[in-house]
């Protein structure tokens, strides 16, 4: 049976939520992305709570779409008696030159046809479903309390929230507002409608500011809007909105992705750079400086978005998505050695250092961070690591790690030359040849192929980056031979691509990794195989859900979506693949 995630995502950079195609809030962590959920029925129907708007008669059909060029999600509910639409959004707008993103969730409910009697069910939970809020209904709002914590539910028509028993006759549009605080608003209708209109204007303006390719424009816009929802207002970018959605049924590969990985952020920021969004990188640089202040030497590969704790992994007693266990909070990869991150940080920051619209004194302030990163490349050159696939019980000399040592050194040389920094220049220059030697240690002259790590014969999709990042030039016979070998070994049906097929800590993978399919498309474009790249992209695009949102994994035989959702890796991969198709001669900035 085909499995797709039947839900969409909304947010404003301070919070985000997933809403299913029946208008129920399936996932809302509050007050920030990696907090406990208030509504988490995605992982447990009994403990997860609900925030639903439903009719008094059976639902016949539903339809979900985004308001064009926005992150406003519209769910239409149809019965035999009528239909109504729920427009869900997180307010975001400019006011007197300042960006405002209030911690308020607004739901606009609009009658469309016939007669509609509706009811609003709102039952937030806390401590990942261990505690329920008590409900108190007043003249103006419903108040939910747990210890000293309170949440408030308002409505532009008070009757809808005052009466929890009877159904409400929906004759005109009404607004429901969920908030942390008591709202001192004279006219909720006017406030909410203004927020709705101004949020539309904000997202339309944001999209219009992008430098969009000619190819696949609508797909790029949706991916860009989705990526933006995963950027926290601290500058951190999370890998995905969810935790513990399984890579495939029975896999136990259920991970918490609500954190900022340096690696994932590299690809997200690269995607933003390709569509002309520089603001995200400026804020991310500030976030990196906070990490730098926290850690003197080794950086963990991932971080909480507010850096207020360490994201140690533990399991909790929830039913799990489709009863798939375990449900994990935190991520043990925090404890891993993943040395590729140092080159990724440097390469991510390269467009920042070369951006002349940023005052030179501001850019110079980040040179100490750059020095620390290049010094870490120097000191870890002989150290094996857990690698980008985060093998829990294995350290190797991964080709991918040294590829980013190489790119990081080349980026650092470019920056050091620009700012006349001899210390950085010397360390970067002496380590380029070392990085190349380590990459070449992964090459086997007998087969003519590069492998996952020195001393093994495993092929994995990360080797596509040797081509994409132009370590191997497109006219190099080694590039052709490698691409052919990876196609023959790891490509699946209908354009999909496995990470690897060898056994790891949890057995043999059964699902393909969607970003690898996009990497394959990108590599084809770089190698001049444009028609084949477009053909594969057209196949892969169908693995989005009804809103063109992508998961982390896709089952090769069924085409089912699995893994955490939406996955920034996947959406960033789409943007980069399309950019390569449109600009096959594009060279990375460090070259």
Protein backbone atom coordinates (compact mmCIF):
# COMPACT_ATOMS: atom_id res chain seq x y z
CA UNK A 1 0.00 0.00 0.00
CA UNK A 2 1.28 3.47 -0.90
CA UNK A 3 2.07 5.58 2.14
CA UNK A 4 2.19 9.38 1.94
CA UNK A 5 2.26 11.96 4.70
CA UNK A 6 -1.18 13.58 4.31
CA UNK A 7 -0.29 16.87 5.96
CA UNK A 8 1.19 20.29 5.37
CA UNK A 9 3.43 22.61 7.35
CA UNK A 10 3.01 26.20 8.53
CA UNK A 11 5.25 28.48 10.63
CA UNK A 12 6.93 31.85 11.00
CA UNK A 13 10.45 31.14 12.27
CA UNK A 14 9.47 31.06 15.93
CA UNK A 15 7.20 28.01 15.75
CA UNK A 16 5.90 25.54 13.18
CA UNK A 17 3.07 23.03 12.95
CA UNK A 18 1.92 20.11 10.81
CA UNK A 19 -1.77 19.98 9.93
CA UNK A 20 -3.34 16.90 8.37
CA UNK A 21 -5.79 16.86 5.49
CA UNK A 22 -8.75 16.76 7.88
CA UNK A 23 -7.68 20.00 9.52
CA UNK A 24 -6.36 18.46 12.72
CA UNK A 25 -3.09 19.81 14.12
CA UNK A 26 -0.96 16.66 14.08
CA UNK A 27 2.25 18.24 15.40
CA UNK A 28 2.97 21.51 17.18
CA UNK A 29 6.01 21.88 19.43
CA UNK A 30 5.85 24.97 21.62
CA UNK A 31 7.35 27.43 22.33
CA UNK A 32 10.03 26.41 19.80
CA UNK A 33 10.84 23.70 17.26
CA UNK A 34 12.50 21.27 19.68
CA UNK A 35 10.23 21.79 22.70
CA UNK A 36 7.67 19.26 23.89
CA UNK A 37 4.64 19.12 21.65
CA UNK A 38 1.34 20.67 22.65
CA UNK A 39 -0.36 18.69 19.92
CA UNK A 40 1.37 15.44 18.98
CA UNK A 41 -1.25 12.95 17.81
CA UNK A 42 1.17 12.18 14.97
CA UNK A 43 2.96 9.96 17.52
CA UNK A 44 0.13 9.00 19.87
CA UNK A 45 -3.63 9.35 19.35
CA UNK A 46 -4.40 9.03 23.06
CA UNK A 47 -1.64 11.14 24.61
CA UNK A 48 -1.02 13.52 21.73
CA UNK A 49 -3.93 15.92 22.09
CA UNK A 50 -5.94 17.49 19.28
CA UNK A 51 -6.75 20.86 17.78
CA UNK A 52 -9.51 20.09 15.32
CA UNK A 53 -12.38 21.82 13.55
CA UNK A 54 -15.00 19.29 12.49
CA UNK A 55 -18.61 19.22 11.22
CA UNK A 56 -21.67 17.58 12.81
CA UNK A 57 -22.04 15.15 9.90
CA UNK A 58 -19.69 12.76 8.16
CA UNK A 59 -16.84 14.18 6.10
CA UNK A 60 -17.08 13.01 2.49
CA UNK A 61 -13.92 14.51 0.99
CA UNK A 62 -11.13 16.90 1.91
CA UNK A 63 -8.73 18.96 -0.15
CA UNK A 64 -5.56 20.74 0.92
CA UNK A 65 -3.50 23.40 -0.83
CA UNK A 66 -1.27 26.38 -0.11
CA UNK A 67 -2.36 29.89 -0.93
CA UNK A 68 -0.07 30.64 -3.87
CA UNK A 69 3.46 31.78 -2.97
CA UNK A 70 2.74 31.61 0.77
CA UNK A 71 2.99 29.28 3.75
CA UNK A 72 -0.74 29.69 4.47
CA UNK A 73 -2.31 26.23 4.35
CA UNK A 74 -5.95 25.86 3.28
CA UNK A 75 -7.93 22.70 4.09
CA UNK A 76 -11.39 22.28 2.57
CA UNK A 77 -13.86 19.98 4.37
CA UNK A 78 -16.82 18.69 2.37
CA UNK A 79 -19.95 16.94 3.68
CA UNK A 80 -23.27 16.03 2.09
CA UNK A 81 -24.69 19.22 3.55
CA UNK A 82 -22.01 21.79 2.76
CA UNK A 83 -18.34 22.68 2.76
CA UNK A 84 -16.00 25.01 4.63
CA UNK A 85 -12.34 25.98 4.48
CA UNK A 86 -9.75 26.28 7.24
CA UNK A 87 -6.90 28.68 6.49
CA UNK A 88 -4.07 28.01 8.96
CA UNK A 89 -1.15 30.37 9.36
CA UNK A 90 1.54 31.72 11.63
CA UNK A 91 1.41 35.54 11.45
CA UNK A 92 4.52 37.19 10.06
CA UNK A 93 4.74 40.75 8.76
CA UNK A 94 6.67 43.98 8.90
CA UNK A 95 5.54 46.76 11.20
CA UNK A 96 7.35 50.09 11.21
CA UNK A 97 10.33 48.40 9.56
CA UNK A 98 10.54 45.58 12.12
CA UNK A 99 9.80 41.94 11.36
CA UNK A 100 6.99 40.76 13.62
CA UNK A 101 6.32 37.06 14.17
CA UNK A 102 4.00 36.78 17.17
CA UNK A 103 3.58 33.55 19.08
CA UNK A 104 -0.01 33.27 17.91
CA UNK A 105 -1.58 30.51 15.83
CA UNK A 106 -4.52 31.72 13.74
CA UNK A 107 -7.15 29.58 12.05
CA UNK A 108 -9.60 31.29 9.68
CA UNK A 109 -12.76 29.23 9.09
CA UNK A 110 -14.82 30.22 6.07
CA UNK A 111 -18.14 28.70 4.89
CA UNK A 112 -18.10 27.83 1.20
CA UNK A 113 -21.33 26.04 0.27
CA UNK A 114 -24.50 24.79 1.95
CA UNK A 115 -25.04 24.46 5.67
CA UNK A 116 -22.14 23.90 8.07
CA UNK A 117 -22.44 23.19 11.76
CA UNK A 118 -18.97 22.92 13.31
CA UNK A 119 -17.27 22.37 16.62
CA UNK A 120 -13.74 23.25 17.78
CA UNK A 121 -11.93 20.64 19.84
CA UNK A 122 -8.71 21.84 21.48
CA UNK A 123 -6.87 19.66 24.02
CA UNK A 124 -3.18 20.56 24.41
CA UNK A 125 -0.78 18.29 26.30
CA UNK A 126 2.63 18.80 27.85
CA UNK A 127 5.77 16.82 28.71
CA UNK A 128 5.34 14.77 25.54
CA UNK A 129 1.81 13.70 26.43
CA UNK A 130 2.39 12.91 30.10
CA UNK A 131 0.31 15.86 31.30
CA UNK A 132 -3.01 17.31 30.19
CA UNK A 133 -4.00 20.93 30.55
CA UNK A 134 -7.10 21.73 32.56
CA UNK A 135 -9.75 23.70 30.69
CA UNK A 136 -11.58 26.74 32.02
CA UNK A 137 -14.17 28.46 29.82
CA UNK A 138 -14.71 32.18 30.41
CA UNK A 139 -16.79 34.78 28.62
CA UNK A 140 -13.92 35.72 26.29
CA UNK A 141 -11.71 32.66 25.93
CA UNK A 142 -10.88 29.11 26.85
CA UNK A 143 -7.91 28.93 29.22
CA UNK A 144 -5.74 25.82 29.45
CA UNK A 145 -3.58 25.53 32.57
CA UNK A 146 -0.87 23.17 33.73
CA UNK A 147 0.91 24.22 36.94
CA UNK A 148 1.93 27.83 36.28
CA UNK A 149 1.65 27.54 32.50
CA UNK A 150 -1.39 28.86 30.64
CA UNK A 151 -2.55 28.87 27.03
CA UNK A 152 -5.52 30.76 25.62
CA UNK A 153 -8.01 30.10 22.85
CA UNK A 154 -9.92 33.08 21.45
CA UNK A 155 -12.51 33.40 18.72
CA UNK A 156 -13.89 36.36 16.80
CA UNK A 157 -17.32 34.86 17.56
CA UNK A 158 -17.30 34.02 21.25
CA UNK A 159 -20.18 31.57 20.95
CA UNK A 160 -17.97 29.09 19.08
CA UNK A 161 -15.60 28.62 22.02
CA UNK A 162 -17.97 29.26 24.93
CA UNK A 163 -20.28 26.36 24.08
CA UNK A 164 -18.27 23.14 24.08
CA UNK A 165 -21.33 20.90 23.71
CA UNK A 166 -23.42 22.18 20.81
CA UNK A 167 -22.36 22.64 17.21
CA UNK A 168 -22.01 26.19 15.91
CA UNK A 169 -23.81 27.37 12.76
CA UNK A 170 -21.02 28.71 10.57
CA UNK A 171 -22.57 31.46 8.46
CA UNK A 172 -19.68 33.93 8.17
CA UNK A 173 -15.90 33.67 8.44
CA UNK A 174 -14.59 33.34 11.97
CA UNK A 175 -11.06 33.46 13.36
CA UNK A 176 -9.69 31.23 16.11
CA UNK A 177 -6.51 32.37 17.87
CA UNK A 178 -4.29 30.18 20.06
CA UNK A 179 -1.77 32.06 22.20
CA UNK A 180 0.63 31.86 25.14
CA UNK A 181 -0.73 35.07 26.59
CA UNK A 182 -3.95 36.89 27.24
CA UNK A 183 -4.69 39.00 24.21
CA UNK A 184 -5.71 42.59 24.79
CA UNK A 185 -7.20 43.14 21.36
CA UNK A 186 -10.23 45.35 20.91
CA UNK A 187 -11.45 43.76 17.69
CA UNK A 188 -10.26 40.19 17.07
CA UNK A 189 -11.91 40.11 13.65
CA UNK A 190 -10.02 43.16 12.39
CA UNK A 191 -6.74 42.10 14.01
CA UNK A 192 -6.95 38.61 12.53
CA UNK A 193 -7.95 39.76 9.05
CA UNK A 194 -5.11 42.29 9.04
CA UNK A 195 -2.69 39.56 10.14
CA UNK A 196 -4.00 37.31 7.37
CA UNK A 197 -3.61 39.95 4.66
CA UNK A 198 -0.20 41.09 5.92
CA UNK A 199 1.09 37.51 6.14
CA UNK A 200 0.08 36.98 2.51
CA UNK A 201 1.97 40.17 1.60
CA UNK A 202 5.04 39.06 3.54
CA UNK A 203 5.33 35.67 1.83
CA UNK A 204 4.54 37.11 -1.62
CA UNK A 205 7.26 39.70 -1.14
CA UNK A 206 9.69 37.06 0.14
CA UNK A 207 9.14 34.88 -2.93
CA UNK A 208 9.47 37.88 -5.24
CA UNK A 209 12.88 38.63 -3.70
CA UNK A 210 14.28 35.26 -4.79
CA UNK A 211 16.32 34.64 -7.93
CA UNK A 212 14.32 31.76 -9.33
CA UNK A 213 15.36 29.46 -12.18
CA UNK A 214 13.30 29.09 -15.33
CA UNK A 215 12.95 25.35 -14.86
CA UNK A 216 10.53 23.91 -12.29
CA UNK A 217 9.68 27.31 -10.81
CA UNK A 218 6.66 26.17 -8.78
CA UNK A 219 8.59 23.25 -7.28
CA UNK A 220 11.48 25.53 -6.35
CA UNK A 221 9.14 28.06 -4.72
CA UNK A 222 7.48 25.40 -2.57
CA UNK A 223 10.84 23.95 -1.56
CA UNK A 224 12.21 27.41 -0.73
CA UNK A 225 9.15 28.27 1.35
CA UNK A 226 9.43 24.94 3.16
CA UNK A 227 13.13 25.43 3.90
CA UNK A 228 12.40 28.89 5.29
CA UNK A 229 9.97 27.40 7.82
CA UNK A 230 12.84 25.34 9.24
CA UNK A 231 15.00 28.40 9.93
CA UNK A 232 14.64 29.41 13.57
CA UNK A 233 14.80 33.07 14.47
CA UNK A 234 18.16 32.40 16.17
CA UNK A 235 19.64 31.64 12.75
CA UNK A 236 19.72 27.88 13.32
CA UNK A 237 18.29 25.59 10.65
CA UNK A 238 16.76 22.28 11.71
CA UNK A 239 16.95 19.07 9.69
CA UNK A 240 13.21 18.33 9.94
CA UNK A 241 10.16 19.33 11.96
CA UNK A 242 9.54 15.90 13.48
CA UNK A 243 10.97 13.09 15.53
CA UNK A 244 10.73 9.31 15.25
CA UNK A 245 8.98 8.91 11.91
CA UNK A 246 10.51 5.58 10.79
CA UNK A 247 12.81 5.22 7.79
CA UNK A 248 10.70 2.18 6.93
CA UNK A 249 8.32 -0.10 8.82
CA UNK A 250 10.05 -2.22 11.44
CA UNK A 251 13.41 -0.52 10.95
CA UNK A 252 13.74 1.02 14.46
CA UNK A 253 15.57 3.81 12.55
CA UNK A 254 13.45 6.44 14.25
CA UNK A 255 15.40 9.64 14.93
CA UNK A 256 14.82 13.11 16.34
CA UNK A 257 15.72 15.61 13.62
CA UNK A 258 14.63 18.84 15.31
CA UNK A 259 18.21 20.07 15.66
CA UNK A 260 20.75 22.01 13.67
CA UNK A 261 23.31 19.77 11.94
CA UNK A 262 26.30 21.57 10.47
CA UNK A 263 26.10 19.20 7.49
CA UNK A 264 22.39 19.67 6.80
CA UNK A 265 22.82 23.41 7.22
CA UNK A 266 25.57 23.40 4.60
CA UNK A 267 23.13 22.02 2.02
CA UNK A 268 20.28 24.27 3.16
CA UNK A 269 22.44 27.39 3.01
CA UNK A 270 23.85 26.31 -0.35
CA UNK A 271 20.30 26.03 -1.68
CA UNK A 272 19.42 29.48 -0.35
CA UNK A 273 22.57 30.91 -1.92
CA UNK A 274 21.59 29.50 -5.32
CA UNK A 275 18.25 31.36 -5.18
CA UNK A 276 19.70 34.60 -3.87
CA UNK A 277 18.62 34.52 -0.22
CA UNK A 278 21.57 35.98 1.73
CA UNK A 279 19.69 36.99 4.89
CA UNK A 280 19.61 33.40 6.17
CA UNK A 281 23.41 33.13 5.96
CA UNK A 282 23.92 36.38 7.90
CA UNK A 283 21.78 35.06 10.76
CA UNK A 284 23.38 31.62 10.59
CA UNK A 285 26.84 33.19 10.97
CA UNK A 286 25.67 34.78 14.20
CA UNK A 287 24.40 31.40 15.42
CA UNK A 288 27.78 29.83 14.61
CA UNK A 289 29.52 32.47 16.68
CA UNK A 290 27.40 31.37 19.67
CA UNK A 291 28.44 27.76 19.12
CA UNK A 292 32.06 28.94 18.90
CA UNK A 293 31.73 30.63 22.29
CA UNK A 294 30.36 27.43 23.81
CA UNK A 295 32.97 24.91 22.61
CA UNK A 296 36.70 25.45 22.86
CA UNK A 297 37.82 22.57 20.67
CA UNK A 298 35.72 19.76 19.16
CA UNK A 299 32.30 20.76 17.95
CA UNK A 300 29.44 18.27 18.17
CA UNK A 301 27.89 17.71 14.74
CA UNK A 302 24.47 18.96 15.84
CA UNK A 303 23.09 21.54 18.23
CA UNK A 304 19.80 22.62 19.81
CA UNK A 305 18.48 25.75 18.20
CA UNK A 306 18.79 27.91 21.29
CA UNK A 307 22.00 26.25 22.60
CA UNK A 308 20.47 26.06 26.07
CA UNK A 309 21.14 22.34 26.63
CA UNK A 310 22.79 19.24 25.20
CA UNK A 311 20.48 17.09 23.04
CA UNK A 312 21.23 13.74 24.67
CA UNK A 313 19.07 10.92 23.34
CA UNK A 314 16.41 9.06 25.35
CA UNK A 315 13.25 7.11 24.62
CA UNK A 316 9.72 7.97 25.75
CA UNK A 317 6.58 5.87 26.16
CA UNK A 318 4.44 6.98 23.25
CA UNK A 319 2.68 4.62 20.85
CA UNK A 320 4.76 5.89 17.92
CA UNK A 321 3.81 6.74 14.37
CA UNK A 322 1.72 3.77 13.11
CA UNK A 323 2.83 2.08 16.35
CA UNK A 324 6.46 2.15 15.23
CA UNK A 325 8.86 2.32 18.16
CA UNK A 326 11.04 3.60 19.63
CA UNK A 327 10.07 7.24 20.04
CA UNK A 328 13.27 9.15 20.62
CA UNK A 329 13.92 12.63 22.01
CA UNK A 330 17.40 14.04 21.41
CA UNK A 331 19.96 12.46 19.11
CA UNK A 332 22.94 10.34 20.05
CA UNK A 333 24.81 11.64 17.01
CA UNK A 334 25.52 14.65 19.23
CA UNK A 335 28.23 12.49 20.79
CA UNK A 336 29.75 11.39 17.46
CA UNK A 337 32.99 12.40 15.89
CA UNK A 338 32.03 13.86 12.52
CA UNK A 339 35.01 15.78 11.22
CA UNK A 340 33.44 16.79 7.91
CA UNK A 341 31.63 19.57 9.78
CA UNK A 342 34.71 21.82 9.97
CA UNK A 343 35.06 22.05 6.21
CA UNK A 344 31.31 22.47 5.92
CA UNK A 345 31.29 25.44 8.27
CA UNK A 346 34.11 27.13 6.33
CA UNK A 347 32.54 26.42 2.93
CA UNK A 348 29.14 27.58 4.14
CA UNK A 349 30.65 30.88 5.31
CA UNK A 350 32.59 31.53 2.09
CA UNK A 351 29.72 33.51 0.45
CA UNK A 352 29.44 35.51 3.67
CA UNK A 353 33.11 36.52 3.66
CA UNK A 354 32.99 37.45 -0.03
CA UNK A 355 29.73 39.43 0.21
CA UNK A 356 30.75 43.06 -0.26
CA UNK A 357 27.35 44.33 0.88
CA UNK A 358 28.34 43.27 4.42
CA UNK A 359 30.73 45.78 6.06
CA UNK A 360 34.28 44.45 5.99
CA UNK A 361 34.74 44.99 9.73
CA UNK A 362 31.70 42.78 10.36
CA UNK A 363 33.11 40.03 8.19
CA UNK A 364 36.52 40.30 9.85
CA UNK A 365 34.91 39.56 13.20
CA UNK A 366 34.41 35.98 12.03
CA UNK A 367 38.05 35.35 11.14
CA UNK A 368 38.79 33.84 14.59
CA UNK A 369 35.98 31.34 13.99
CA UNK A 370 37.48 30.53 10.60
CA UNK A 371 40.90 30.05 12.22
CA UNK A 372 39.42 27.61 14.71
CA UNK A 373 37.75 25.60 11.96
CA UNK A 374 40.84 25.36 9.76
CA UNK A 375 42.91 24.45 12.80
CA UNK A 376 40.46 21.64 13.55
CA UNK A 377 40.92 20.32 10.03
CA UNK A 378 44.66 20.31 10.71
CA UNK A 379 44.37 18.51 14.04
CA UNK A 380 41.82 15.91 12.88
CA UNK A 381 43.48 15.01 9.60
CA UNK A 382 44.66 11.66 10.98
CA UNK A 383 41.51 10.89 12.98
CA UNK A 384 38.83 8.47 11.76
CA UNK A 385 35.22 9.51 12.32
CA UNK A 386 31.64 8.21 12.26
CA UNK A 387 30.98 9.77 8.87
CA UNK A 388 28.02 11.54 7.35
CA UNK A 389 25.77 8.48 7.66
CA UNK A 390 26.45 8.51 11.40
CA UNK A 391 27.49 4.91 11.90
CA UNK A 392 27.08 4.38 15.62
CA UNK A 393 29.59 1.62 16.11
CA UNK A 394 32.16 2.35 13.43
CA UNK A 395 34.88 4.92 12.77
CA UNK A 396 36.65 5.08 9.40
CA UNK A 397 38.70 7.42 7.23
CA UNK A 398 35.70 8.52 5.16
CA UNK A 399 36.22 9.86 1.66
CA UNK A 400 33.38 12.35 2.21
CA UNK A 401 35.05 13.79 5.32
CA UNK A 402 38.29 14.47 3.47
CA UNK A 403 36.41 15.91 0.51
CA UNK A 404 35.17 18.61 2.89
CA UNK A 405 38.62 19.01 4.37
CA UNK A 406 39.68 19.74 0.78
CA UNK A 407 36.81 22.15 0.06
CA UNK A 408 37.26 23.80 3.46
CA UNK A 409 40.94 24.40 2.80
CA UNK A 410 40.26 25.84 -0.64
CA UNK A 411 37.56 28.09 0.81
CA UNK A 412 39.85 29.19 3.64
CA UNK A 413 42.62 30.08 1.17
CA UNK A 414 40.21 32.26 -0.75
CA UNK A 415 39.06 34.00 2.42
CA UNK A 416 42.58 34.35 3.86
CA UNK A 417 43.81 35.87 0.62
CA UNK A 418 40.93 38.35 0.60
CA UNK A 419 41.66 39.44 4.18
CA UNK A 420 45.44 39.01 4.08
CA UNK A 421 45.42 36.53 6.98
CA UNK A 422 48.73 34.64 6.82
CA UNK A 423 47.97 32.26 9.73
CA UNK A 424 44.85 30.91 8.08
CA UNK A 425 46.52 30.84 4.68
CA UNK A 426 49.48 28.78 5.94
CA UNK A 427 47.34 26.16 7.72
CA UNK A 428 44.92 25.81 4.81
CA UNK A 429 47.70 25.60 2.21
CA UNK A 430 49.61 22.82 3.95
CA UNK A 431 46.45 20.74 4.48
CA UNK A 432 45.12 20.70 0.92
CA UNK A 433 47.69 18.12 -0.19
CA UNK A 434 47.00 16.07 2.95
CA UNK A 435 43.26 16.07 2.23
CA UNK A 436 43.89 15.02 -1.37
CA UNK A 437 46.14 12.18 -0.19
CA UNK A 438 43.39 10.96 2.15
CA UNK A 439 40.79 11.09 -0.62
CA UNK A 440 43.12 9.20 -2.93
CA UNK A 441 43.61 6.58 -0.21
CA UNK A 442 39.95 5.71 -0.87
CA UNK A 443 40.74 5.03 -4.55
CA UNK A 444 41.41 1.52 -5.81
CA UNK A 445 43.52 1.41 -8.96
CA UNK A 446 42.45 -2.14 -9.83
CA UNK A 447 38.74 -1.27 -10.07
CA UNK A 448 39.32 2.37 -10.96
CA UNK A 449 36.84 3.47 -8.30
CA UNK A 450 36.68 5.57 -5.15
CA UNK A 451 35.10 3.89 -2.14
CA UNK A 452 33.34 4.98 1.02
CA UNK A 453 36.45 4.90 3.18
CA UNK A 454 40.08 3.92 3.08
CA UNK A 455 40.44 0.16 3.35
CA UNK A 456 36.88 -0.86 2.45
CA UNK A 457 35.12 -1.62 -0.84
CA UNK A 458 31.72 -0.12 -0.06
CA UNK A 459 30.15 2.22 -2.57
CA UNK A 460 27.86 4.89 -1.19
CA UNK A 461 26.01 7.87 -2.64
CA UNK A 462 28.18 10.44 -0.88
CA UNK A 463 30.81 9.67 -3.53
CA UNK A 464 28.59 11.57 -5.99
CA UNK A 465 29.87 14.68 -4.23
CA UNK A 466 33.33 14.06 -5.74
CA UNK A 467 31.69 14.97 -9.06
CA UNK A 468 29.23 17.60 -7.82
CA UNK A 469 31.93 19.49 -5.91
CA UNK A 470 34.32 19.26 -8.89
CA UNK A 471 37.02 17.34 -7.09
CA UNK A 472 36.75 15.17 -10.19
CA UNK A 473 36.33 17.38 -13.25
CA UNK A 474 33.49 16.41 -15.63
CA UNK A 475 36.00 15.42 -18.34
CA UNK A 476 37.97 13.16 -15.95
CA UNK A 477 37.50 9.47 -16.94
CA UNK A 478 37.44 8.63 -13.22
CA UNK A 479 34.26 10.70 -12.88
CA UNK A 480 32.55 8.80 -15.68
CA UNK A 481 33.62 5.45 -14.28
CA UNK A 482 32.50 6.36 -10.76
CA UNK A 483 29.11 7.63 -11.90
CA UNK A 484 28.51 4.46 -13.90
CA UNK A 485 29.46 2.24 -10.96
CA UNK A 486 27.21 4.13 -8.57
CA UNK A 487 24.33 3.93 -11.07
CA UNK A 488 24.77 0.19 -11.47
CA UNK A 489 25.08 -0.43 -7.73
CA UNK A 490 22.82 2.05 -5.92
CA UNK A 491 20.18 3.28 -8.35
CA UNK A 492 16.72 1.85 -7.71
CA UNK A 493 13.51 1.94 -9.72
CA UNK A 494 11.98 5.17 -10.97
CA UNK A 495 14.92 7.45 -10.33
CA UNK A 496 15.48 6.59 -6.67
CA UNK A 497 18.92 6.08 -5.13
CA UNK A 498 20.16 4.23 -2.05
CA UNK A 499 22.63 5.73 0.40
CA UNK A 500 24.40 2.37 0.49
CA UNK A 501 23.42 -1.29 0.49
CA UNK A 502 25.89 -2.75 2.94
CA UNK A 503 24.89 -3.70 6.47
CA UNK A 504 25.21 -1.09 9.22
CA UNK A 505 24.45 -0.92 12.95
CA UNK A 506 20.75 -1.62 12.35
CA UNK A 507 20.93 -4.14 9.51
CA UNK A 508 20.57 -3.59 5.77
CA UNK A 509 18.71 -0.44 4.64
CA UNK A 510 15.38 -1.03 2.95
CA UNK A 511 14.57 2.54 1.89
CA UNK A 512 16.23 4.96 -0.47
CA UNK A 513 17.44 8.35 0.72
CA UNK A 514 15.76 11.07 -1.31
CA UNK A 515 18.61 13.57 -1.29
CA UNK A 516 20.78 10.89 -2.94
CA UNK A 517 18.36 10.83 -5.88
CA UNK A 518 18.76 14.59 -6.18
CA UNK A 519 22.55 14.26 -5.90
CA UNK A 520 22.45 11.75 -8.75
CA UNK A 521 20.44 14.19 -10.88
CA UNK A 522 22.89 16.96 -10.02
CA UNK A 523 25.85 14.77 -10.95
CA UNK A 524 24.23 13.88 -14.28
CA UNK A 525 23.77 17.58 -15.05
CA UNK A 526 27.38 18.37 -14.11
CA UNK A 527 28.53 15.56 -16.39
CA UNK A 528 26.60 17.05 -19.31
CA UNK A 529 23.78 14.49 -19.30
CA UNK A 530 21.02 17.09 -19.15
CA UNK A 531 18.23 15.06 -20.78
CA UNK A 532 18.83 12.12 -18.46
CA UNK A 533 18.93 14.49 -15.47
CA UNK A 534 15.57 16.02 -16.43
CA UNK A 535 14.06 12.58 -17.04
CA UNK A 536 15.14 11.42 -13.58
CA UNK A 537 13.96 14.62 -11.93
CA UNK A 538 10.50 14.19 -13.43
CA UNK A 539 10.38 10.70 -11.93
CA UNK A 540 11.56 11.82 -8.49
CA UNK A 541 9.15 14.74 -8.21
CA UNK A 542 6.22 12.36 -7.93
CA UNK A 543 7.52 11.22 -4.54
CA UNK A 544 6.28 14.42 -2.94
CA UNK A 545 2.94 14.39 -1.17
CA UNK A 546 -0.21 16.21 -2.31
CA UNK A 547 1.46 19.54 -1.43
CA UNK A 548 4.81 18.72 -3.08
CA UNK A 549 6.44 18.22 0.31
CA UNK A 550 9.20 15.63 0.54
CA UNK A 551 10.16 13.17 3.23
CA UNK A 552 13.62 11.89 4.04
CA UNK A 553 13.20 8.37 2.65
CA UNK A 554 11.24 6.66 -0.11
CA UNK A 555 10.64 2.91 -0.32
CA UNK A 556 12.04 1.78 -3.65
CA UNK A 557 9.35 -0.75 -4.57
CA UNK A 558 6.20 0.95 -3.26
CA UNK A 559 7.21 4.61 -3.69
CA UNK A 560 6.01 5.29 -0.12
CA UNK A 561 7.21 8.26 1.88
CA UNK A 562 9.04 7.43 5.11
CA UNK A 563 11.39 9.15 7.54
CA UNK A 564 11.05 12.53 9.13
CA UNK A 565 8.92 15.09 7.35
CA UNK A 566 9.31 17.52 5.72
CA UNK A 567 13.04 16.91 5.28
CA UNK A 568 15.22 19.94 4.54
CA UNK A 569 17.88 17.70 2.95
CA UNK A 570 15.38 16.68 0.29
CA UNK A 571 14.09 20.16 -0.50
CA UNK A 572 17.61 21.58 -0.61
CA UNK A 573 18.59 18.73 -2.94
CA UNK A 574 15.77 19.62 -5.31
CA UNK A 575 16.90 23.25 -5.54
CA UNK A 576 20.51 22.25 -6.17
CA UNK A 577 19.53 19.67 -8.79
CA UNK A 578 17.42 22.15 -10.73
CA UNK A 579 20.18 24.74 -10.52
CA UNK A 580 22.65 22.24 -11.97
CA UNK A 581 20.28 21.45 -14.84
CA UNK A 582 19.87 25.14 -15.63
CA UNK A 583 23.54 26.03 -15.00
CA UNK A 584 25.60 22.88 -15.74
CA UNK A 585 28.83 24.87 -16.05
CA UNK A 586 28.45 26.48 -12.61
CA UNK A 587 31.58 26.14 -10.49
CA UNK A 588 31.65 26.20 -6.69
CA UNK A 589 32.82 29.51 -5.25
CA UNK A 590 35.97 27.96 -3.77
CA UNK A 591 37.31 27.01 -7.22
